[in-house]
Amino acid sequence: MSADKNEYIISSCKYINKVVGTEELELLKKYAQVFAKGTKYYFYMFSKKGFSKDLIQTAEKENVKLVTLKDLYNFIKN
């Protein structure tokens, strides 16, 4: 990633007691369309309870970063 003015980070943080599904990624993609001037978008999704299997598979294919609350705790510990 660079500091290029045409690159954007789009993220979502869900602190709820259910897993996040593909519908949230689709919503993030719609948000990216609002900018409409970027050449590259980086999608990051944060979730308290984790992610659905469908979203995990989609994220791997589309290079979307999924971060759980546990991941954040582990990052802070190290």
N, C-alpha and C. Protein backbone atom coordinates (compact mmCIF):
# COMPACT_ATOMS: atom_id res chain seq x y z
N MET A 1 0.84 -1.17 0.00
CA MET A 1 0.00 0.00 0.00
C MET A 1 0.89 1.23 0.00
N SER A 2 0.47 2.25 -0.70
CA SER A 2 1.23 3.49 -0.77
C SER A 2 0.36 4.65 -0.30
N ALA A 3 0.95 5.82 -0.30
CA ALA A 3 0.21 7.03 0.09
C ALA A 3 -0.43 7.68 -1.12
N ASP A 4 -0.62 6.93 -2.17
CA ASP A 4 -1.24 7.43 -3.39
C ASP A 4 -2.64 7.95 -3.08
N LYS A 5 -2.98 9.09 -3.63
CA LYS A 5 -4.28 9.70 -3.36
C LYS A 5 -5.43 8.95 -4.00
N ASN A 6 -5.13 7.95 -4.81
CA ASN A 6 -6.19 7.19 -5.48
C ASN A 6 -6.43 5.84 -4.81
N GLU A 7 -5.84 5.63 -3.64
CA GLU A 7 -6.04 4.38 -2.91
C GLU A 7 -6.78 4.67 -1.62
N TYR A 8 -7.74 3.82 -1.31
CA TYR A 8 -8.58 4.04 -0.14
C TYR A 8 -8.68 2.78 0.70
N ILE A 9 -8.77 2.97 2.01
CA ILE A 9 -9.09 1.88 2.93
C ILE A 9 -10.54 2.05 3.32
N ILE A 10 -11.32 1.00 3.12
CA ILE A 10 -12.73 0.99 3.51
C ILE A 10 -12.86 -0.10 4.56
N SER A 11 -13.44 0.23 5.71
CA SER A 11 -13.52 -0.78 6.77
C SER A 11 -14.87 -0.77 7.46
N SER A 12 -15.10 -1.84 8.18
CA SER A 12 -16.32 -2.01 8.95
C SER A 12 -15.96 -2.67 10.27
N CYS A 13 -16.55 -2.18 11.34
CA CYS A 13 -16.30 -2.74 12.67
C CYS A 13 -17.64 -3.10 13.31
N LYS A 14 -17.84 -4.38 13.58
CA LYS A 14 -19.10 -4.85 14.16
C LYS A 14 -18.85 -5.45 15.54
N TYR A 15 -19.27 -4.74 16.56
CA TYR A 15 -19.14 -5.23 17.92
C TYR A 15 -20.52 -5.74 18.36
N ILE A 16 -20.92 -6.85 17.74
CA ILE A 16 -22.22 -7.46 18.00
C ILE A 16 -22.02 -8.94 18.29
N ASN A 17 -23.04 -9.56 18.83
CA ASN A 17 -22.94 -10.97 19.23
C ASN A 17 -23.40 -11.94 18.15
N LYS A 18 -23.04 -11.67 16.93
CA LYS A 18 -23.28 -12.62 15.83
C LYS A 18 -22.18 -12.46 14.80
N VAL A 19 -21.96 -13.52 14.04
CA VAL A 19 -20.91 -13.48 13.02
C VAL A 19 -21.31 -12.54 11.88
N VAL A 20 -20.32 -11.98 11.25
CA VAL A 20 -20.54 -11.06 10.13
C VAL A 20 -20.53 -11.88 8.84
N GLY A 21 -21.47 -11.58 7.95
CA GLY A 21 -21.59 -12.32 6.70
C GLY A 21 -21.22 -11.52 5.47
N THR A 22 -21.43 -12.13 4.33
CA THR A 22 -21.04 -11.52 3.05
C THR A 22 -21.81 -10.23 2.75
N GLU A 23 -22.99 -10.08 3.34
CA GLU A 23 -23.77 -8.87 3.09
C GLU A 23 -23.02 -7.62 3.55
N GLU A 24 -22.22 -7.75 4.59
CA GLU A 24 -21.44 -6.61 5.07
C GLU A 24 -20.34 -6.24 4.08
N LEU A 25 -19.72 -7.22 3.46
CA LEU A 25 -18.72 -6.94 2.43
C LEU A 25 -19.37 -6.26 1.23
N GLU A 26 -20.53 -6.71 0.84
CA GLU A 26 -21.24 -6.07 -0.28
C GLU A 26 -21.54 -4.61 0.05
N LEU A 27 -21.90 -4.34 1.29
CA LEU A 27 -22.15 -2.96 1.71
C LEU A 27 -20.87 -2.13 1.62
N LEU A 28 -19.75 -2.69 2.02
CA LEU A 28 -18.48 -1.97 1.91
C LEU A 28 -18.14 -1.65 0.46
N LYS A 29 -18.43 -2.59 -0.42
CA LYS A 29 -18.18 -2.35 -1.85
C LYS A 29 -19.04 -1.20 -2.37
N LYS A 30 -20.27 -1.11 -1.87
CA LYS A 30 -21.14 0.02 -2.26
C LYS A 30 -20.57 1.33 -1.75
N TYR A 31 -20.04 1.32 -0.53
CA TYR A 31 -19.40 2.52 0.01
C TYR A 31 -18.23 2.94 -0.89
N ALA A 32 -17.47 1.99 -1.37
CA ALA A 32 -16.34 2.29 -2.25
C ALA A 32 -16.80 2.98 -3.53
N GLN A 33 -17.96 2.58 -4.02
CA GLN A 33 -18.49 3.19 -5.24
C GLN A 33 -18.81 4.66 -5.04
N VAL A 34 -19.12 5.06 -3.82
CA VAL A 34 -19.40 6.46 -3.53
C VAL A 34 -18.18 7.32 -3.83
N PHE A 35 -16.98 6.80 -3.51
CA PHE A 35 -15.76 7.55 -3.80
C PHE A 35 -15.56 7.66 -5.30
N ALA A 36 -15.76 6.58 -6.00
CA ALA A 36 -15.73 6.51 -7.47
C ALA A 36 -14.50 7.11 -8.13
N LYS A 37 -13.54 7.58 -7.36
CA LYS A 37 -12.35 8.13 -7.97
C LYS A 37 -11.10 7.35 -7.60
N GLY A 38 -11.26 6.33 -6.80
CA GLY A 38 -10.11 5.53 -6.41
C GLY A 38 -9.73 4.54 -7.50
N THR A 39 -8.45 4.21 -7.53
CA THR A 39 -7.98 3.19 -8.45
C THR A 39 -7.82 1.85 -7.75
N LYS A 40 -7.71 1.92 -6.40
CA LYS A 40 -7.55 0.69 -5.64
C LYS A 40 -8.18 0.88 -4.27
N TYR A 41 -8.86 -0.17 -3.81
CA TYR A 41 -9.51 -0.14 -2.50
C TYR A 41 -9.01 -1.32 -1.68
N TYR A 42 -8.78 -1.06 -0.38
CA TYR A 42 -8.39 -2.09 0.57
C TYR A 42 -9.55 -2.24 1.55
N PHE A 43 -10.05 -3.45 1.68
CA PHE A 43 -11.18 -3.70 2.56
C PHE A 43 -10.71 -4.42 3.83
N TYR A 44 -11.08 -3.87 4.98
CA TYR A 44 -10.79 -4.46 6.28
C TYR A 44 -12.10 -4.59 7.04
N MET A 45 -12.30 -5.76 7.63
CA MET A 45 -13.51 -5.99 8.41
C MET A 45 -13.12 -6.48 9.79
N PHE A 46 -13.68 -5.86 10.81
CA PHE A 46 -13.42 -6.20 12.20
C PHE A 46 -14.71 -6.75 12.81
N SER A 47 -14.59 -7.81 13.59
CA SER A 47 -15.78 -8.43 14.18
C SER A 47 -15.50 -8.99 15.56
N LYS A 48 -16.43 -8.74 16.47
CA LYS A 48 -16.34 -9.29 17.82
C LYS A 48 -16.51 -10.81 17.81
N LYS A 49 -17.47 -11.31 17.05
CA LYS A 49 -17.82 -12.74 17.07
C LYS A 49 -17.27 -13.56 15.91
N GLY A 50 -16.61 -12.93 14.98
CA GLY A 50 -16.06 -13.68 13.86
C GLY A 50 -16.85 -13.49 12.58
N PHE A 51 -16.59 -14.39 11.63
CA PHE A 51 -17.12 -14.24 10.27
C PHE A 51 -17.73 -15.54 9.79
N SER A 52 -18.71 -15.42 8.90
CA SER A 52 -19.34 -16.60 8.33
C SER A 52 -18.35 -17.33 7.42
N LYS A 53 -18.60 -18.62 7.21
CA LYS A 53 -17.73 -19.41 6.32
C LYS A 53 -17.72 -18.82 4.91
N ASP A 54 -18.89 -18.38 4.45
CA ASP A 54 -18.97 -17.79 3.11
C ASP A 54 -18.10 -16.54 3.00
N LEU A 55 -18.14 -15.71 4.03
CA LEU A 55 -17.33 -14.49 4.00
C LEU A 55 -15.85 -14.82 4.06
N ILE A 56 -15.46 -15.79 4.86
CA ILE A 56 -14.05 -16.18 4.94
C ILE A 56 -13.55 -16.65 3.58
N GLN A 57 -14.34 -17.47 2.90
CA GLN A 57 -13.95 -17.95 1.57
C GLN A 57 -13.86 -16.81 0.57
N THR A 58 -14.84 -15.91 0.60
CA THR A 58 -14.83 -14.77 -0.31
C THR A 58 -13.65 -13.86 -0.03
N ALA A 59 -13.37 -13.62 1.24
CA ALA A 59 -12.26 -12.74 1.63
C ALA A 59 -10.93 -13.27 1.13
N GLU A 60 -10.75 -14.59 1.19
CA GLU A 60 -9.51 -15.18 0.70
C GLU A 60 -9.34 -14.95 -0.79
N LYS A 61 -10.42 -15.06 -1.54
CA LYS A 61 -10.36 -14.88 -2.99
C LYS A 61 -10.16 -13.41 -3.37
N GLU A 62 -10.73 -12.51 -2.59
CA GLU A 62 -10.73 -11.09 -2.95
C GLU A 62 -9.74 -10.26 -2.15
N ASN A 63 -8.89 -10.92 -1.37
CA ASN A 63 -7.88 -10.24 -0.57
C ASN A 63 -8.47 -9.20 0.38
N VAL A 64 -9.54 -9.60 1.06
CA VAL A 64 -10.17 -8.77 2.09
C VAL A 64 -9.59 -9.21 3.43
N LYS A 65 -9.20 -8.27 4.27
CA LYS A 65 -8.61 -8.59 5.56
C LYS A 65 -9.71 -8.71 6.61
N LEU A 66 -9.77 -9.85 7.29
CA LEU A 66 -10.74 -10.09 8.34
C LEU A 66 -10.01 -10.13 9.68
N VAL A 67 -10.47 -9.36 10.64
CA VAL A 67 -9.80 -9.26 11.93
C VAL A 67 -10.84 -9.48 13.03
N THR A 68 -10.56 -10.45 13.90
CA THR A 68 -11.46 -10.72 15.03
C THR A 68 -10.96 -9.99 16.27
N LEU A 69 -11.80 -9.96 17.27
CA LEU A 69 -11.40 -9.36 18.54
C LEU A 69 -10.21 -10.11 19.13
N LYS A 70 -10.22 -11.42 18.97
CA LYS A 70 -9.11 -12.25 19.45
C LYS A 70 -7.81 -11.87 18.72
N ASP A 71 -7.89 -11.63 17.43
CA ASP A 71 -6.71 -11.20 16.67
C ASP A 71 -6.14 -9.90 17.24
N LEU A 72 -7.02 -8.98 17.60
CA LEU A 72 -6.56 -7.71 18.16
C LEU A 72 -5.89 -7.90 19.50
N TYR A 73 -6.47 -8.73 20.36
CA TYR A 73 -5.86 -9.02 21.65
C TYR A 73 -4.48 -9.65 21.47
N ASN A 74 -4.37 -10.59 20.56
CA ASN A 74 -3.08 -11.23 20.31
C ASN A 74 -2.05 -10.25 19.78
N PHE A 75 -2.48 -9.33 18.94
CA PHE A 75 -1.59 -8.31 18.40
C PHE A 75 -1.06 -7.42 19.52
N ILE A 76 -1.93 -7.03 20.43
CA ILE A 76 -1.54 -6.15 21.54
C ILE A 76 -0.58 -6.85 22.48
N LYS A 77 -0.79 -8.15 22.72
CA LYS A 77 0.08 -8.91 23.61
C LYS A 77 1.51 -8.99 23.08
N ASN A 78 1.63 -9.06 21.77
CA ASN A 78 2.96 -9.24 21.16
C ASN A 78 3.55 -7.91 20.92
